[in-house]
């Protein structure tokens, strides 16, 4: 399942998110990380770096520990805005990870056929949700498996949300635009609902 929802949030709600994250004031904290940590697990694609701002995580972290905490002062506000949209689209379960990602043009990405490392967000049944915060190139690409058969390619559009059923996917760095900003949420499926 890959569902694309344009104008996912009411405009004032969407603007309240973008005013925090990509405002001209530049006071939102971003942290440099590798785009995908599991490059050895799924080695296809190009390893790049991105800026990220973690909101919440209660899955095993990259350093081997667990985190059961809000990682940002913005977590509760962002979740409060997003949860009604998830319920409206019948996405039930527990948010296990949420973060903002920011990608810039990269010298190794010079065509829309180049992409970052293919991955899944969780090793159990889940939904992956992306909310694009700006118009950009830098498509999200979905695959049937670990990257051999492309299913769908979606171009970032401001306030466009993608909901997928835990499929293999990857981001692509922008080429023509200055940056690509997204909110990424991972929801562990709850079989009781």
C-alpha atoms as a PDB file:
ATOM      1  CA  UNK A   1       0.000   0.000   0.000  1.00  0.00           C
ATOM      2  CA  UNK A   2       1.233   3.454  -0.960  1.00  0.00           C
ATOM      3  CA  UNK A   3      -1.233   6.263  -0.355  1.00  0.00           C
ATOM      4  CA  UNK A   4      -0.548   9.846  -1.422  1.00  0.00           C
ATOM      5  CA  UNK A   5      -2.550  12.606   0.272  1.00  0.00           C
ATOM      6  CA  UNK A   6      -2.187  16.148  -1.017  1.00  0.00           C
ATOM      7  CA  UNK A   7      -3.079  18.990   1.367  1.00  0.00           C
ATOM      8  CA  UNK A   8      -2.874  16.503   4.219  1.00  0.00           C
ATOM      9  CA  UNK A   9      -3.104  19.120   6.958  1.00  0.00           C
ATOM     10  CA  UNK A  10      -5.231  22.231   7.127  1.00  0.00           C
ATOM     11  CA  UNK A  11      -3.060  25.134   5.977  1.00  0.00           C
ATOM     12  CA  UNK A  12      -2.794  26.887   9.398  1.00  0.00           C
ATOM     13  CA  UNK A  13      -1.714  23.611  11.033  1.00  0.00           C
ATOM     14  CA  UNK A  14       0.806  22.870   8.292  1.00  0.00           C
ATOM     15  CA  UNK A  15       2.174  26.428   8.525  1.00  0.00           C
ATOM     16  CA  UNK A  16       2.608  26.058  12.295  1.00  0.00           C
ATOM     17  CA  UNK A  17       4.967  23.128  11.591  1.00  0.00           C
ATOM     18  CA  UNK A  18       6.944  24.783   8.810  1.00  0.00           C
ATOM     19  CA  UNK A  19       7.244  28.011  10.845  1.00  0.00           C
ATOM     20  CA  UNK A  20       9.118  26.006  13.485  1.00  0.00           C
ATOM     21  CA  UNK A  21      11.250  23.816  11.234  1.00  0.00           C
ATOM     22  CA  UNK A  22      12.203  25.815   8.149  1.00  0.00           C
ATOM     23  CA  UNK A  23      11.689  29.413   9.196  1.00  0.00           C
ATOM     24  CA  UNK A  24      13.983  32.191   8.018  1.00  0.00           C
ATOM     25  CA  UNK A  25      14.998  32.805  11.627  1.00  0.00           C
ATOM     26  CA  UNK A  26      17.164  29.679  11.550  1.00  0.00           C
ATOM     27  CA  UNK A  27      16.837  28.805  15.228  1.00  0.00           C
ATOM     28  CA  UNK A  28      15.697  25.187  14.823  1.00  0.00           C
ATOM     29  CA  UNK A  29      18.427  22.712  15.900  1.00  0.00           C
ATOM     30  CA  UNK A  30      19.601  20.256  13.237  1.00  0.00           C
ATOM     31  CA  UNK A  31      22.169  17.469  13.683  1.00  0.00           C
ATOM     32  CA  UNK A  32      24.393  15.878  11.049  1.00  0.00           C
ATOM     33  CA  UNK A  33      24.023  12.095  10.593  1.00  0.00           C
ATOM     34  CA  UNK A  34      24.407   9.477   7.884  1.00  0.00           C
ATOM     35  CA  UNK A  35      21.198   9.268   5.877  1.00  0.00           C
ATOM     36  CA  UNK A  36      20.848   5.513   6.502  1.00  0.00           C
ATOM     37  CA  UNK A  37      22.770   3.575   9.128  1.00  0.00           C
ATOM     38  CA  UNK A  38      22.101   0.050   7.848  1.00  0.00           C
ATOM     39  CA  UNK A  39      24.189   0.372   4.693  1.00  0.00           C
ATOM     40  CA  UNK A  40      25.726  -3.084   5.210  1.00  0.00           C
ATOM     41  CA  UNK A  41      22.288  -4.678   5.422  1.00  0.00           C
ATOM     42  CA  UNK A  42      21.041  -3.140   2.150  1.00  0.00           C
ATOM     43  CA  UNK A  43      24.155  -1.958   0.305  1.00  0.00           C
ATOM     44  CA  UNK A  44      22.499  -0.600  -2.862  1.00  0.00           C
ATOM     45  CA  UNK A  45      22.244   3.141  -3.269  1.00  0.00           C
ATOM     46  CA  UNK A  46      24.547   6.018  -2.422  1.00  0.00           C
ATOM     47  CA  UNK A  47      25.456   6.788   1.188  1.00  0.00           C
ATOM     48  CA  UNK A  48      24.864  10.479   1.925  1.00  0.00           C
ATOM     49  CA  UNK A  49      24.556  12.664   4.995  1.00  0.00           C
ATOM     50  CA  UNK A  50      21.538  14.606   6.170  1.00  0.00           C
ATOM     51  CA  UNK A  51      20.519  16.958   8.908  1.00  0.00           C
ATOM     52  CA  UNK A  52      17.973  15.534  11.315  1.00  0.00           C
ATOM     53  CA  UNK A  53      16.000  16.548  14.365  1.00  0.00           C
ATOM     54  CA  UNK A  54      14.731  13.558  16.348  1.00  0.00           C
ATOM     55  CA  UNK A  55      11.378  14.062  18.020  1.00  0.00           C
ATOM     56  CA  UNK A  56      10.731  10.671  19.589  1.00  0.00           C
ATOM     57  CA  UNK A  57      11.990   7.095  19.565  1.00  0.00           C
ATOM     58  CA  UNK A  58      11.157   3.961  21.500  1.00  0.00           C
ATOM     59  CA  UNK A  59      12.920   1.492  19.237  1.00  0.00           C
ATOM     60  CA  UNK A  60      16.455   0.201  19.532  1.00  0.00           C
ATOM     61  CA  UNK A  61      18.820   3.016  18.741  1.00  0.00           C
ATOM     62  CA  UNK A  62      21.901   2.758  16.556  1.00  0.00           C
ATOM     63  CA  UNK A  63      24.220   2.696  19.534  1.00  0.00           C
ATOM     64  CA  UNK A  64      22.513  -0.425  20.954  1.00  0.00           C
ATOM     65  CA  UNK A  65      20.495   1.266  23.693  1.00  0.00           C
ATOM     66  CA  UNK A  66      16.793   1.997  23.978  1.00  0.00           C
ATOM     67  CA  UNK A  67      15.270   5.413  24.306  1.00  0.00           C
ATOM     68  CA  UNK A  68      11.780   5.912  25.714  1.00  0.00           C
ATOM     69  CA  UNK A  69      11.678   9.654  25.759  1.00  0.00           C
ATOM     70  CA  UNK A  70      10.751  12.750  23.880  1.00  0.00           C
ATOM     71  CA  UNK A  71      13.945  13.932  22.260  1.00  0.00           C
ATOM     72  CA  UNK A  72      12.697  17.414  21.440  1.00  0.00           C
ATOM     73  CA  UNK A  73      10.620  20.134  23.065  1.00  0.00           C
ATOM     74  CA  UNK A  74       8.474  20.026  19.884  1.00  0.00           C
ATOM     75  CA  UNK A  75       7.481  16.334  20.123  1.00  0.00           C
ATOM     76  CA  UNK A  76       4.113  16.629  21.839  1.00  0.00           C
ATOM     77  CA  UNK A  77       3.033  19.568  19.699  1.00  0.00           C
ATOM     78  CA  UNK A  78       3.911  17.813  16.424  1.00  0.00           C
ATOM     79  CA  UNK A  79       2.319  14.505  17.503  1.00  0.00           C
ATOM     80  CA  UNK A  80      -0.847  16.337  18.599  1.00  0.00           C
ATOM     81  CA  UNK A  81      -1.144  17.805  15.090  1.00  0.00           C
ATOM     82  CA  UNK A  82      -0.371  14.572  13.224  1.00  0.00           C
ATOM     83  CA  UNK A  83      -2.306  11.933  15.211  1.00  0.00           C
ATOM     84  CA  UNK A  84      -5.769  13.106  13.985  1.00  0.00           C
ATOM     85  CA  UNK A  85      -4.584  12.807  10.367  1.00  0.00           C
ATOM     86  CA  UNK A  86      -3.327   9.268  11.048  1.00  0.00           C
ATOM     87  CA  UNK A  87      -6.635   8.264  12.657  1.00  0.00           C
ATOM     88  CA  UNK A  88      -8.598   9.820   9.788  1.00  0.00           C
ATOM     89  CA  UNK A  89      -6.600   7.601   7.410  1.00  0.00           C
ATOM     90  CA  UNK A  90      -7.044   4.490   9.612  1.00  0.00           C
ATOM     91  CA  UNK A  91      -3.413   4.315  10.694  1.00  0.00           C
ATOM     92  CA  UNK A  92      -3.638   2.663  14.099  1.00  0.00           C
ATOM     93  CA  UNK A  93      -0.768   1.700  16.334  1.00  0.00           C
ATOM     94  CA  UNK A  94       2.000   3.268  18.365  1.00  0.00           C
ATOM     95  CA  UNK A  95       4.326   5.943  17.081  1.00  0.00           C
ATOM     96  CA  UNK A  96       7.748   4.385  17.607  1.00  0.00           C
ATOM     97  CA  UNK A  97       9.828   7.008  15.866  1.00  0.00           C
ATOM     98  CA  UNK A  98       9.391  10.532  14.599  1.00  0.00           C
ATOM     99  CA  UNK A  99      11.918  12.990  13.215  1.00  0.00           C
ATOM    100  CA  UNK A 100      12.511  15.768  10.747  1.00  0.00           C
ATOM    101  CA  UNK A 101      15.005  15.161   7.933  1.00  0.00           C
ATOM    102  CA  UNK A 102      16.724  17.732   5.751  1.00  0.00           C
ATOM    103  CA  UNK A 103      18.614  16.768   2.591  1.00  0.00           C
ATOM    104  CA  UNK A 104      20.697  19.036   0.380  1.00  0.00           C
ATOM    105  CA  UNK A 105      22.138  18.549  -3.111  1.00  0.00           C
ATOM    106  CA  UNK A 106      24.969  16.017  -3.064  1.00  0.00           C
ATOM    107  CA  UNK A 107      27.800  15.675  -5.636  1.00  0.00           C
ATOM    108  CA  UNK A 108      27.183  11.927  -6.099  1.00  0.00           C
ATOM    109  CA  UNK A 109      23.472  12.445  -6.821  1.00  0.00           C
ATOM    110  CA  UNK A 110      23.303  14.003 -10.269  1.00  0.00           C
ATOM    111  CA  UNK A 111      20.278  12.384 -11.863  1.00  0.00           C
ATOM    112  CA  UNK A 112      16.841  11.439 -10.648  1.00  0.00           C
ATOM    113  CA  UNK A 113      17.847   7.785 -11.125  1.00  0.00           C
ATOM    114  CA  UNK A 114      20.465   8.046  -8.348  1.00  0.00           C
ATOM    115  CA  UNK A 115      19.095   7.393  -4.889  1.00  0.00           C
ATOM    116  CA  UNK A 116      20.146   6.863  -1.298  1.00  0.00           C
ATOM    117  CA  UNK A 117      20.327   3.482   0.442  1.00  0.00           C
ATOM    118  CA  UNK A 118      17.171   1.365   0.222  1.00  0.00           C
ATOM    119  CA  UNK A 119      15.760   0.470   3.633  1.00  0.00           C
ATOM    120  CA  UNK A 120      12.761  -0.321   5.773  1.00  0.00           C
ATOM    121  CA  UNK A 121      12.015   1.679   8.901  1.00  0.00           C
ATOM    122  CA  UNK A 122      11.230  -1.177  11.300  1.00  0.00           C
ATOM    123  CA  UNK A 123      11.778  -4.950  11.313  1.00  0.00           C
ATOM    124  CA  UNK A 124       8.137  -5.691  12.227  1.00  0.00           C
ATOM    125  CA  UNK A 125       4.736  -4.738  10.724  1.00  0.00           C
ATOM    126  CA  UNK A 126       4.545  -0.961  10.504  1.00  0.00           C
ATOM    127  CA  UNK A 127       3.474   2.106   8.582  1.00  0.00           C
ATOM    128  CA  UNK A 128       5.951   4.684   7.316  1.00  0.00           C
ATOM    129  CA  UNK A 129       4.609   8.191   6.998  1.00  0.00           C
ATOM    130  CA  UNK A 130       6.299  11.111   5.239  1.00  0.00           C
ATOM    131  CA  UNK A 131       5.021  14.666   5.260  1.00  0.00           C
ATOM    132  CA  UNK A 132       6.856  16.897   2.799  1.00  0.00           C
ATOM    133  CA  UNK A 133       7.496  20.355   4.211  1.00  0.00           C
ATOM    134  CA  UNK A 134       8.491  22.033   0.944  1.00  0.00           C
ATOM    135  CA  UNK A 135       8.266  21.671  -2.820  1.00  0.00           C
ATOM    136  CA  UNK A 136      11.402  19.987  -4.105  1.00  0.00           C
ATOM    137  CA  UNK A 137      12.816  17.387  -6.379  1.00  0.00           C
ATOM    138  CA  UNK A 138      14.440  14.499  -4.580  1.00  0.00           C
ATOM    139  CA  UNK A 139      11.781  11.840  -5.043  1.00  0.00           C
ATOM    140  CA  UNK A 140      10.905   9.132  -2.569  1.00  0.00           C
ATOM    141  CA  UNK A 141      11.245   5.777  -4.311  1.00  0.00           C
ATOM    142  CA  UNK A 142       9.380   2.626  -3.218  1.00  0.00           C
ATOM    143  CA  UNK A 143      10.549  -0.870  -4.092  1.00  0.00           C
ATOM    144  CA  UNK A 144       9.025  -4.330  -4.179  1.00  0.00           C
ATOM    145  CA  UNK A 145      12.013  -5.749  -2.347  1.00  0.00           C
ATOM    146  CA  UNK A 146      15.489  -4.566  -1.329  1.00  0.00           C
ATOM    147  CA  UNK A 147      15.781  -2.328  -4.354  1.00  0.00           C
ATOM    148  CA  UNK A 148      15.519  -4.485  -7.460  1.00  0.00           C
ATOM    149  CA  UNK A 149      12.009  -3.597  -8.649  1.00  0.00           C
ATOM    150  CA  UNK A 150      10.766  -0.017  -8.425  1.00  0.00           C
ATOM    151  CA  UNK A 151       7.061   0.251  -7.518  1.00  0.00           C
ATOM    152  CA  UNK A 152       6.478   3.982  -7.344  1.00  0.00           C
ATOM    153  CA  UNK A 153       8.303   7.294  -7.331  1.00  0.00           C
ATOM    154  CA  UNK A 154       6.760  10.307  -5.570  1.00  0.00           C
ATOM    155  CA  UNK A 155       7.931  13.899  -5.935  1.00  0.00           C
ATOM    156  CA  UNK A 156       8.000  16.100  -2.812  1.00  0.00           C
ATOM    157  CA  UNK A 157       5.214  18.654  -2.707  1.00  0.00           C
ATOM    158  CA  UNK A 158       4.537  20.967   0.208  1.00  0.00           C
ATOM    159  CA  UNK A 159       1.894  19.431   2.561  1.00  0.00           C
ATOM    160  CA  UNK A 160       1.853  16.124   0.677  1.00  0.00           C
ATOM    161  CA  UNK A 161       1.734  13.043   2.899  1.00  0.00           C
ATOM    162  CA  UNK A 162       2.735   9.526   1.907  1.00  0.00           C
ATOM    163  CA  UNK A 163       1.552   6.554   3.921  1.00  0.00           C
ATOM    164  CA  UNK A 164       3.143   3.223   3.087  1.00  0.00           C
ATOM    165  CA  UNK A 165       2.728  -0.224   4.487  1.00  0.00           C
ATOM    166  CA  UNK A 166       6.336  -0.630   5.619  1.00  0.00           C
ATOM    167  CA  UNK A 167       7.689  -1.068   2.111  1.00  0.00           C
ATOM    168  CA  UNK A 168      11.335  -0.806   1.126  1.00  0.00           C
ATOM    169  CA  UNK A 169      11.995   2.790   0.152  1.00  0.00           C
ATOM    170  CA  UNK A 170      14.626   5.464  -0.132  1.00  0.00           C
ATOM    171  CA  UNK A 171      15.019   9.184  -0.423  1.00  0.00           C
ATOM    172  CA  UNK A 172      16.787  11.080  -3.141  1.00  0.00           C
ATOM    173  CA  UNK A 173      18.778  14.246  -2.607  1.00  0.00           C
ATOM    174  CA  UNK A 174      17.462  17.271  -4.482  1.00  0.00           C
ATOM    175  CA  UNK A 175      19.271  18.432  -7.605  1.00  0.00           C
ATOM    176  CA  UNK A 176      17.397  21.573  -8.695  1.00  0.00           C
ATOM    177  CA  UNK A 177      16.140  22.740  -5.283  1.00  0.00           C
ATOM    178  CA  UNK A 178      18.190  23.991  -2.326  1.00  0.00           C
ATOM    179  CA  UNK A 179      16.812  21.453   0.145  1.00  0.00           C
ATOM    180  CA  UNK A 180      14.233  18.718   0.788  1.00  0.00           C
ATOM    181  CA  UNK A 181      12.549  18.743   4.220  1.00  0.00           C
ATOM    182  CA  UNK A 182      10.258  16.019   5.578  1.00  0.00           C
ATOM    183  CA  UNK A 183       8.603  14.854   8.751  1.00  0.00           C
ATOM    184  CA  UNK A 184       9.096  11.080   9.068  1.00  0.00           C
ATOM    185  CA  UNK A 185       6.876   9.034  11.398  1.00  0.00           C
ATOM    186  CA  UNK A 186       7.016   5.269  11.952  1.00  0.00           C
ATOM    187  CA  UNK A 187       3.944   3.588  13.455  1.00  0.00           C
ATOM    188  CA  UNK A 188       4.117   0.022  14.769  1.00  0.00           C
ATOM    189  CA  UNK A 189       0.917  -1.712  13.688  1.00  0.00           C
ATOM    190  CA  UNK A 190      -1.505  -2.620  16.443  1.00  0.00           C
ATOM    191  CA  UNK A 191      -3.338  -5.829  15.544  1.00  0.00           C
ATOM    192  CA  UNK A 192      -5.969  -5.312  18.236  1.00  0.00           C
ATOM    193  CA  UNK A 193      -7.672  -2.454  16.377  1.00  0.00           C
END
